[in-house]
């Protein structure tokens, strides 16, 4: 029953994040779908704060690279408008190199975090409980923190994924490839563009 409730909570959360992303795009006046052949968007937030940050990198029709960071402060009052700060970012390295490095994190192939939940446990013993043998596994659930929605397009290849607290989970499950790759993606963005540092 506990696993059913957890699965239900995860599915509801993913659905809410998808709705949030559509509303965020509407406020930023950008299309919901990725229109450029090479484009990545990383939506960062979805916690108890009203701040969502959006990293966007794309190659336009002129083959020029654009890198933007939005900070969206959503208003909780109907009478007030949300506040949007937009910054053009400068990279430390060549943008073609950064794009290739982003792809090397397998971000265009990664599954949703919900698809790897079965890996996120420590296997225990099988014990007899109330007359039934049951596997007892140790699971870590981090309920507060930072969630990420990533949308990426590389030519015809499209992917959209959600990860909640990937860096925190990596501390508990350092052997899970998907958490390693996702954390490498975040580290690359932080280091190359000097954003999202605490």
C-alpha atoms as a PDB file:
ATOM      1  CA  UNK A   1       0.000   0.000   0.000  1.00  0.00           C
ATOM      2  CA  UNK A   2       2.867   2.355   0.877  1.00  0.00           C
ATOM      3  CA  UNK A   3       4.454   1.804  -2.564  1.00  0.00           C
ATOM      4  CA  UNK A   4       1.125   2.515  -4.280  1.00  0.00           C
ATOM      5  CA  UNK A   5       0.791   5.812  -2.423  1.00  0.00           C
ATOM      6  CA  UNK A   6       4.372   6.806  -3.267  1.00  0.00           C
ATOM      7  CA  UNK A   7       3.840   5.962  -6.956  1.00  0.00           C
ATOM      8  CA  UNK A   8       0.568   7.937  -6.959  1.00  0.00           C
ATOM      9  CA  UNK A   9       2.313  10.942  -5.358  1.00  0.00           C
ATOM     10  CA  UNK A  10       5.119  10.833  -7.949  1.00  0.00           C
ATOM     11  CA  UNK A  11       2.669  10.675 -10.877  1.00  0.00           C
ATOM     12  CA  UNK A  12       0.613  13.578  -9.502  1.00  0.00           C
ATOM     13  CA  UNK A  13       3.816  15.601  -8.966  1.00  0.00           C
ATOM     14  CA  UNK A  14       4.974  15.026 -12.553  1.00  0.00           C
ATOM     15  CA  UNK A  15       1.562  16.086 -13.857  1.00  0.00           C
ATOM     16  CA  UNK A  16       1.635  19.285 -11.780  1.00  0.00           C
ATOM     17  CA  UNK A  17       5.169  20.135 -12.943  1.00  0.00           C
ATOM     18  CA  UNK A  18       4.086  19.727 -16.585  1.00  0.00           C
ATOM     19  CA  UNK A  19       1.236  22.183 -15.981  1.00  0.00           C
ATOM     20  CA  UNK A  20       3.628  24.561 -14.220  1.00  0.00           C
ATOM     21  CA  UNK A  21       6.047  24.503 -17.172  1.00  0.00           C
ATOM     22  CA  UNK A  22       3.268  25.416 -19.610  1.00  0.00           C
ATOM     23  CA  UNK A  23       2.211  28.318 -17.393  1.00  0.00           C
ATOM     24  CA  UNK A  24       5.833  29.445 -16.985  1.00  0.00           C
ATOM     25  CA  UNK A  25       6.366  29.448 -20.768  1.00  0.00           C
ATOM     26  CA  UNK A  26       3.205  31.498 -21.176  1.00  0.00           C
ATOM     27  CA  UNK A  27       4.467  34.098 -18.696  1.00  0.00           C
ATOM     28  CA  UNK A  28       7.892  34.218 -20.368  1.00  0.00           C
ATOM     29  CA  UNK A  29       6.207  34.531 -23.787  1.00  0.00           C
ATOM     30  CA  UNK A  30       8.102  31.582 -25.230  1.00  0.00           C
ATOM     31  CA  UNK A  31       6.601  28.625 -27.056  1.00  0.00           C
ATOM     32  CA  UNK A  32       5.859  25.481 -25.112  1.00  0.00           C
ATOM     33  CA  UNK A  33       7.512  23.268 -27.720  1.00  0.00           C
ATOM     34  CA  UNK A  34      11.189  23.453 -28.594  1.00  0.00           C
ATOM     35  CA  UNK A  35      11.336  25.098 -31.998  1.00  0.00           C
ATOM     36  CA  UNK A  36      15.080  25.209 -32.614  1.00  0.00           C
ATOM     37  CA  UNK A  37      17.076  22.218 -33.891  1.00  0.00           C
ATOM     38  CA  UNK A  38      19.433  22.501 -30.907  1.00  0.00           C
ATOM     39  CA  UNK A  39      17.784  23.693 -27.717  1.00  0.00           C
ATOM     40  CA  UNK A  40      17.775  22.864 -24.047  1.00  0.00           C
ATOM     41  CA  UNK A  41      15.662  24.327 -21.259  1.00  0.00           C
ATOM     42  CA  UNK A  42      16.145  23.539 -17.602  1.00  0.00           C
ATOM     43  CA  UNK A  43      13.378  24.671 -15.247  1.00  0.00           C
ATOM     44  CA  UNK A  44      14.687  24.803 -11.681  1.00  0.00           C
ATOM     45  CA  UNK A  45      12.513  25.243  -8.621  1.00  0.00           C
ATOM     46  CA  UNK A  46       9.077  23.801  -7.827  1.00  0.00           C
ATOM     47  CA  UNK A  47       9.703  23.854  -4.081  1.00  0.00           C
ATOM     48  CA  UNK A  48       8.037  25.957  -1.424  1.00  0.00           C
ATOM     49  CA  UNK A  49       9.437  29.161  -2.908  1.00  0.00           C
ATOM     50  CA  UNK A  50       7.786  31.351  -5.559  1.00  0.00           C
ATOM     51  CA  UNK A  51      11.047  31.501  -7.571  1.00  0.00           C
ATOM     52  CA  UNK A  52      11.584  29.385 -10.675  1.00  0.00           C
ATOM     53  CA  UNK A  53      14.776  29.723 -12.687  1.00  0.00           C
ATOM     54  CA  UNK A  54      14.926  28.794 -16.353  1.00  0.00           C
ATOM     55  CA  UNK A  55      18.172  28.150 -18.197  1.00  0.00           C
ATOM     56  CA  UNK A  56      17.775  28.236 -21.971  1.00  0.00           C
ATOM     57  CA  UNK A  57      20.430  27.545 -24.581  1.00  0.00           C
ATOM     58  CA  UNK A  58      19.669  27.309 -28.282  1.00  0.00           C
ATOM     59  CA  UNK A  59      21.104  27.798 -31.740  1.00  0.00           C
ATOM     60  CA  UNK A  60      18.917  30.154 -33.793  1.00  0.00           C
ATOM     61  CA  UNK A  61      18.192  30.169 -37.547  1.00  0.00           C
ATOM     62  CA  UNK A  62      21.456  32.085 -38.178  1.00  0.00           C
ATOM     63  CA  UNK A  63      23.407  29.358 -36.339  1.00  0.00           C
ATOM     64  CA  UNK A  64      24.195  31.837 -33.545  1.00  0.00           C
ATOM     65  CA  UNK A  65      24.078  30.485 -30.015  1.00  0.00           C
ATOM     66  CA  UNK A  66      21.925  32.219 -27.416  1.00  0.00           C
ATOM     67  CA  UNK A  67      22.108  31.487 -23.708  1.00  0.00           C
ATOM     68  CA  UNK A  68      19.563  33.011 -21.333  1.00  0.00           C
ATOM     69  CA  UNK A  69      18.671  32.706 -17.704  1.00  0.00           C
ATOM     70  CA  UNK A  70      15.245  33.738 -16.438  1.00  0.00           C
ATOM     71  CA  UNK A  71      14.248  34.278 -12.829  1.00  0.00           C
ATOM     72  CA  UNK A  72      10.481  34.151 -12.494  1.00  0.00           C
ATOM     73  CA  UNK A  73       8.989  35.333  -9.208  1.00  0.00           C
ATOM     74  CA  UNK A  74       5.386  34.185  -9.331  1.00  0.00           C
ATOM     75  CA  UNK A  75       2.823  36.322  -7.587  1.00  0.00           C
ATOM     76  CA  UNK A  76       0.426  34.625  -5.191  1.00  0.00           C
ATOM     77  CA  UNK A  77      -2.005  37.504  -5.434  1.00  0.00           C
ATOM     78  CA  UNK A  78      -4.288  37.916  -8.442  1.00  0.00           C
ATOM     79  CA  UNK A  79      -3.853  41.699  -8.451  1.00  0.00           C
ATOM     80  CA  UNK A  80      -0.053  41.564  -8.817  1.00  0.00           C
ATOM     81  CA  UNK A  81       1.940  40.530 -11.859  1.00  0.00           C
ATOM     82  CA  UNK A  82       4.750  38.046 -11.660  1.00  0.00           C
ATOM     83  CA  UNK A  83       8.241  39.531 -11.862  1.00  0.00           C
ATOM     84  CA  UNK A  84      10.627  38.297 -14.557  1.00  0.00           C
ATOM     85  CA  UNK A  85      14.377  38.985 -14.679  1.00  0.00           C
ATOM     86  CA  UNK A  86      16.149  37.924 -17.865  1.00  0.00           C
ATOM     87  CA  UNK A  87      19.928  37.733 -18.200  1.00  0.00           C
ATOM     88  CA  UNK A  88      22.069  36.919 -21.225  1.00  0.00           C
ATOM     89  CA  UNK A  89      24.743  34.480 -20.056  1.00  0.00           C
ATOM     90  CA  UNK A  90      28.367  34.301 -21.093  1.00  0.00           C
ATOM     91  CA  UNK A  91      30.129  30.949 -21.142  1.00  0.00           C
ATOM     92  CA  UNK A  92      33.667  30.179 -20.015  1.00  0.00           C
ATOM     93  CA  UNK A  93      34.147  27.772 -22.950  1.00  0.00           C
ATOM     94  CA  UNK A  94      33.158  27.561 -26.608  1.00  0.00           C
ATOM     95  CA  UNK A  95      29.384  27.049 -26.927  1.00  0.00           C
ATOM     96  CA  UNK A  96      29.737  24.227 -29.474  1.00  0.00           C
ATOM     97  CA  UNK A  97      31.976  22.451 -26.961  1.00  0.00           C
ATOM     98  CA  UNK A  98      29.423  23.038 -24.189  1.00  0.00           C
ATOM     99  CA  UNK A  99      26.591  21.653 -26.352  1.00  0.00           C
ATOM    100  CA  UNK A 100      28.624  18.512 -27.095  1.00  0.00           C
ATOM    101  CA  UNK A 101      29.440  18.226 -23.371  1.00  0.00           C
ATOM    102  CA  UNK A 102      25.732  18.524 -22.519  1.00  0.00           C
ATOM    103  CA  UNK A 103      24.942  15.679 -24.906  1.00  0.00           C
ATOM    104  CA  UNK A 104      27.718  13.607 -23.350  1.00  0.00           C
ATOM    105  CA  UNK A 105      25.760  13.593 -20.069  1.00  0.00           C
ATOM    106  CA  UNK A 106      23.146  11.510 -21.937  1.00  0.00           C
ATOM    107  CA  UNK A 107      20.475  14.100 -21.163  1.00  0.00           C
ATOM    108  CA  UNK A 108      18.722  13.376 -24.462  1.00  0.00           C
ATOM    109  CA  UNK A 109      18.432   9.692 -23.451  1.00  0.00           C
ATOM    110  CA  UNK A 110      17.810   9.836 -19.702  1.00  0.00           C
ATOM    111  CA  UNK A 111      14.511   8.450 -18.388  1.00  0.00           C
ATOM    112  CA  UNK A 112      12.318  10.217 -15.856  1.00  0.00           C
ATOM    113  CA  UNK A 113      13.424   9.854 -12.268  1.00  0.00           C
ATOM    114  CA  UNK A 114      10.222   7.932 -11.543  1.00  0.00           C
ATOM    115  CA  UNK A 115      11.476   5.212 -13.934  1.00  0.00           C
ATOM    116  CA  UNK A 116      14.598   4.598 -11.851  1.00  0.00           C
ATOM    117  CA  UNK A 117      12.940   4.595  -8.404  1.00  0.00           C
ATOM    118  CA  UNK A 118      13.347   0.817  -8.214  1.00  0.00           C
ATOM    119  CA  UNK A 119      17.120   1.350  -8.137  1.00  0.00           C
ATOM    120  CA  UNK A 120      16.871   3.806  -5.268  1.00  0.00           C
ATOM    121  CA  UNK A 121      16.807   1.380  -2.399  1.00  0.00           C
ATOM    122  CA  UNK A 122      19.103  -0.761  -0.291  1.00  0.00           C
ATOM    123  CA  UNK A 123      18.074  -4.387  -0.447  1.00  0.00           C
ATOM    124  CA  UNK A 124      17.471  -5.951   2.927  1.00  0.00           C
ATOM    125  CA  UNK A 125      16.312  -9.339   4.145  1.00  0.00           C
ATOM    126  CA  UNK A 126      13.138 -11.245   3.544  1.00  0.00           C
ATOM    127  CA  UNK A 127      11.231 -11.410   6.816  1.00  0.00           C
ATOM    128  CA  UNK A 128       8.117 -13.175   8.025  1.00  0.00           C
ATOM    129  CA  UNK A 129       5.571 -10.496   8.945  1.00  0.00           C
ATOM    130  CA  UNK A 130       1.976 -11.343   9.929  1.00  0.00           C
ATOM    131  CA  UNK A 131       2.323 -14.806   8.426  1.00  0.00           C
ATOM    132  CA  UNK A 132       3.695 -13.583   5.070  1.00  0.00           C
ATOM    133  CA  UNK A 133       7.230 -13.375   3.775  1.00  0.00           C
ATOM    134  CA  UNK A 134       8.021  -9.833   2.709  1.00  0.00           C
ATOM    135  CA  UNK A 135      11.146  -8.181   1.323  1.00  0.00           C
ATOM    136  CA  UNK A 136      12.389  -5.421   3.602  1.00  0.00           C
ATOM    137  CA  UNK A 137      14.251  -2.706   1.707  1.00  0.00           C
ATOM    138  CA  UNK A 138      15.570   0.645   2.885  1.00  0.00           C
ATOM    139  CA  UNK A 139      14.483   3.651   0.826  1.00  0.00           C
ATOM    140  CA  UNK A 140      15.377   7.307   1.172  1.00  0.00           C
ATOM    141  CA  UNK A 141      12.745   9.937   0.366  1.00  0.00           C
ATOM    142  CA  UNK A 142      13.743  13.603   0.228  1.00  0.00           C
ATOM    143  CA  UNK A 143      10.560  15.653   0.216  1.00  0.00           C
ATOM    144  CA  UNK A 144      11.875  19.208   0.181  1.00  0.00           C
ATOM    145  CA  UNK A 145      14.452  20.660  -2.140  1.00  0.00           C
ATOM    146  CA  UNK A 146      14.869  21.498  -5.804  1.00  0.00           C
ATOM    147  CA  UNK A 147      13.116  19.913  -8.754  1.00  0.00           C
ATOM    148  CA  UNK A 148      14.258  20.112 -12.363  1.00  0.00           C
ATOM    149  CA  UNK A 149      12.316  19.766 -15.570  1.00  0.00           C
ATOM    150  CA  UNK A 150      14.590  19.391 -18.593  1.00  0.00           C
ATOM    151  CA  UNK A 151      13.415  19.732 -22.173  1.00  0.00           C
ATOM    152  CA  UNK A 152      15.981  19.076 -24.893  1.00  0.00           C
ATOM    153  CA  UNK A 153      15.960  18.848 -28.649  1.00  0.00           C
ATOM    154  CA  UNK A 154      18.918  17.752 -30.732  1.00  0.00           C
ATOM    155  CA  UNK A 155      17.745  17.714 -34.339  1.00  0.00           C
ATOM    156  CA  UNK A 156      14.859  15.215 -34.398  1.00  0.00           C
ATOM    157  CA  UNK A 157      15.612  13.752 -30.969  1.00  0.00           C
ATOM    158  CA  UNK A 158      13.396  15.136 -28.193  1.00  0.00           C
ATOM    159  CA  UNK A 159      13.350  14.369 -24.481  1.00  0.00           C
ATOM    160  CA  UNK A 160      11.552  15.780 -21.447  1.00  0.00           C
ATOM    161  CA  UNK A 161      12.353  14.572 -17.940  1.00  0.00           C
ATOM    162  CA  UNK A 162      11.786  15.471 -14.312  1.00  0.00           C
ATOM    163  CA  UNK A 163      14.286  14.918 -11.481  1.00  0.00           C
ATOM    164  CA  UNK A 164      13.704  15.925  -7.877  1.00  0.00           C
ATOM    165  CA  UNK A 165      16.747  16.562  -5.675  1.00  0.00           C
ATOM    166  CA  UNK A 166      19.143  14.570  -7.883  1.00  0.00           C
ATOM    167  CA  UNK A 167      22.294  15.833  -6.165  1.00  0.00           C
ATOM    168  CA  UNK A 168      20.933  14.914  -2.721  1.00  0.00           C
ATOM    169  CA  UNK A 169      19.901  11.437  -3.888  1.00  0.00           C
ATOM    170  CA  UNK A 170      23.323  10.929  -5.466  1.00  0.00           C
ATOM    171  CA  UNK A 171      24.852  11.193  -1.982  1.00  0.00           C
ATOM    172  CA  UNK A 172      22.790   8.147  -0.957  1.00  0.00           C
ATOM    173  CA  UNK A 173      22.972   6.225  -4.253  1.00  0.00           C
ATOM    174  CA  UNK A 174      26.343   7.107  -5.750  1.00  0.00           C
ATOM    175  CA  UNK A 175      26.330   4.080  -8.069  1.00  0.00           C
ATOM    176  CA  UNK A 176      23.193   5.001 -10.077  1.00  0.00           C
ATOM    177  CA  UNK A 177      24.226   6.091 -13.576  1.00  0.00           C
ATOM    178  CA  UNK A 178      21.192   8.292 -14.207  1.00  0.00           C
ATOM    179  CA  UNK A 179      21.811  10.337 -11.052  1.00  0.00           C
ATOM    180  CA  UNK A 180      25.503  10.623 -11.968  1.00  0.00           C
ATOM    181  CA  UNK A 181      24.700  11.869 -15.493  1.00  0.00           C
ATOM    182  CA  UNK A 182      22.047  14.321 -14.307  1.00  0.00           C
ATOM    183  CA  UNK A 183      24.370  15.728 -11.640  1.00  0.00           C
ATOM    184  CA  UNK A 184      27.108  16.099 -14.282  1.00  0.00           C
ATOM    185  CA  UNK A 185      24.650  18.098 -16.407  1.00  0.00           C
ATOM    186  CA  UNK A 186      23.915  20.449 -13.493  1.00  0.00           C
ATOM    187  CA  UNK A 187      27.610  20.808 -12.620  1.00  0.00           C
ATOM    188  CA  UNK A 188      28.400  21.700 -16.240  1.00  0.00           C
ATOM    189  CA  UNK A 189      25.751  24.448 -16.288  1.00  0.00           C
ATOM    190  CA  UNK A 190      26.836  25.818 -12.914  1.00  0.00           C
ATOM    191  CA  UNK A 191      30.540  25.874 -13.792  1.00  0.00           C
ATOM    192  CA  UNK A 192      30.307  27.135 -17.370  1.00  0.00           C
ATOM    193  CA  UNK A 193      27.753  29.881 -16.727  1.00  0.00           C
ATOM    194  CA  UNK A 194      28.381  30.656 -13.055  1.00  0.00           C
ATOM    195  CA  UNK A 195      24.745  30.261 -12.003  1.00  0.00           C
ATOM    196  CA  UNK A 196      22.813  28.272  -9.379  1.00  0.00           C
ATOM    197  CA  UNK A 197      25.660  28.393  -6.898  1.00  0.00           C
ATOM    198  CA  UNK A 198      24.811  28.570  -3.230  1.00  0.00           C
END
